[in-house]
Amino acid sequence: LDDGGAPEVLAVGWEPIDYDRIYRVATKVSDLTNGQSPPLTEYFTKHPEALPARGKYVNIHAELMGYFARNLWRKLWEQIGPPRPDGDRSEVDALCSL
């Protein structure tokens, strides 16, 4: 429904927004403060204590690269490794989580 107003997030993971909950968001800290998102920039300018301390956050680029690499290695191991008759994937999972 487009009522002509500003876009609004109404659900996360198909569940209605819980306004009493604190959600974790994957982004770069600089994106929260450099004006790319005016509402976030305004909030974090007024509440700098809400930003994670330097070194206490996860580097989103490293997380994404790790995720993609694990999935690529899993696919490679599944193609070159012999199939297990019992369907046990623990060895592939262990190799892909290194």
Protein backbone atom coordinates (compact mmCIF):
# COMPACT_ATOMS: atom_id res chain seq x y z
CA LEU A 1 0.00 0.00 0.00
CA ASP A 2 1.52 3.31 -1.06
CA ASP A 3 0.00 6.12 0.97
CA GLY A 4 2.51 8.67 -0.37
CA GLY A 5 4.39 8.79 2.93
CA ALA A 6 7.96 7.78 3.66
CA PRO A 7 8.78 4.07 3.25
CA GLU A 8 8.53 2.17 6.52
CA VAL A 9 9.78 -1.24 7.64
CA LEU A 10 6.81 -3.19 8.96
CA ALA A 11 8.28 -6.67 9.39
CA VAL A 12 11.58 -8.50 9.88
CA GLY A 13 11.82 -12.15 8.89
CA TRP A 14 8.10 -12.14 8.10
CA GLU A 15 7.32 -11.19 11.71
CA PRO A 16 5.80 -7.79 12.62
CA ILE A 17 8.25 -5.25 14.03
CA ASP A 18 8.60 -5.49 17.80
CA TYR A 19 9.23 -1.89 18.88
CA ASP A 20 10.57 -3.05 22.27
CA ARG A 21 13.26 -5.22 20.67
CA ILE A 22 16.77 -4.22 19.61
CA TYR A 23 17.58 -5.66 16.17
CA ARG A 24 21.06 -6.41 14.85
CA VAL A 25 21.79 -4.87 11.47
CA ALA A 26 24.59 -5.79 9.09
CA THR A 27 26.16 -2.63 7.72
CA LYS A 28 29.32 -0.56 7.88
CA VAL A 29 29.64 1.79 10.85
CA SER A 30 30.58 4.59 8.44
CA ASP A 31 27.22 4.13 6.68
CA LEU A 32 25.49 4.92 9.97
CA THR A 33 27.24 8.25 10.40
CA ASN A 34 28.16 9.63 6.97
CA GLY A 35 24.70 10.71 5.82
CA GLN A 36 23.84 7.81 3.50
CA SER A 37 20.77 7.16 5.63
CA PRO A 38 19.51 10.44 7.09
CA PRO A 39 17.40 8.80 9.86
CA LEU A 40 20.33 6.62 11.00
CA THR A 41 22.79 9.51 10.79
CA GLU A 42 20.44 11.67 12.86
CA TYR A 43 19.94 8.93 15.47
CA PHE A 44 23.63 8.07 15.87
CA THR A 45 24.63 11.75 15.93
CA LYS A 46 22.29 12.19 18.91
CA HIS A 47 23.23 8.81 20.46
CA PRO A 48 26.91 8.08 19.73
CA GLU A 49 26.98 5.72 22.72
CA ALA A 50 24.76 3.35 20.71
CA LEU A 51 27.55 2.77 18.18
CA PRO A 52 29.76 -0.24 18.87
CA ALA A 53 33.18 0.58 20.32
CA ARG A 54 36.07 0.56 17.86
CA GLY A 55 37.15 -3.02 17.31
CA LYS A 56 33.98 -4.43 18.93
CA TYR A 57 32.07 -4.91 15.73
CA VAL A 58 32.24 -7.46 12.93
CA ASN A 59 33.69 -6.39 9.60
CA ILE A 60 30.80 -6.94 7.18
CA HIS A 61 33.13 -7.38 4.20
CA ALA A 62 35.05 -10.16 5.96
CA GLU A 63 31.80 -11.83 7.04
CA LEU A 64 30.40 -11.83 3.51
CA MET A 65 33.63 -13.14 2.01
CA GLY A 66 33.77 -15.89 4.64
CA TYR A 67 30.16 -16.86 3.95
CA PHE A 68 30.69 -17.05 0.19
CA ALA A 69 33.99 -18.93 0.58
CA ARG A 70 32.43 -21.53 2.91
CA ASN A 71 29.62 -22.14 0.45
CA LEU A 72 32.03 -22.42 -2.48
CA TRP A 73 34.24 -24.90 -0.61
CA ARG A 74 31.18 -26.93 0.42
CA LYS A 75 30.08 -27.20 -3.21
CA LEU A 76 33.59 -28.17 -4.31
CA TRP A 77 33.94 -30.87 -1.65
CA GLU A 78 30.50 -32.24 -2.46
CA GLN A 79 31.50 -32.60 -6.13
CA ILE A 80 34.94 -34.16 -5.65
CA GLY A 81 34.37 -36.24 -2.54
CA PRO A 82 32.85 -39.70 -2.65
CA PRO A 83 29.18 -39.76 -1.66
CA ARG A 84 28.53 -41.22 1.77
CA PRO A 85 25.84 -43.93 1.75
CA ASP A 86 24.58 -42.79 5.14
CA GLY A 87 24.33 -39.14 4.03
CA ASP A 88 26.69 -38.03 6.80
CA ARG A 89 28.02 -34.59 5.84
CA SER A 90 30.00 -33.93 9.03
CA GLU A 91 33.37 -34.20 7.25
CA VAL A 92 32.34 -31.70 4.57
CA ASP A 93 30.86 -29.41 7.21
CA ALA A 94 34.06 -29.63 9.28
CA LEU A 95 36.27 -28.86 6.28
CA CYS A 96 34.09 -25.94 5.20
CA SER A 97 34.03 -24.34 8.65
CA LEU A 98 37.83 -23.97 8.94
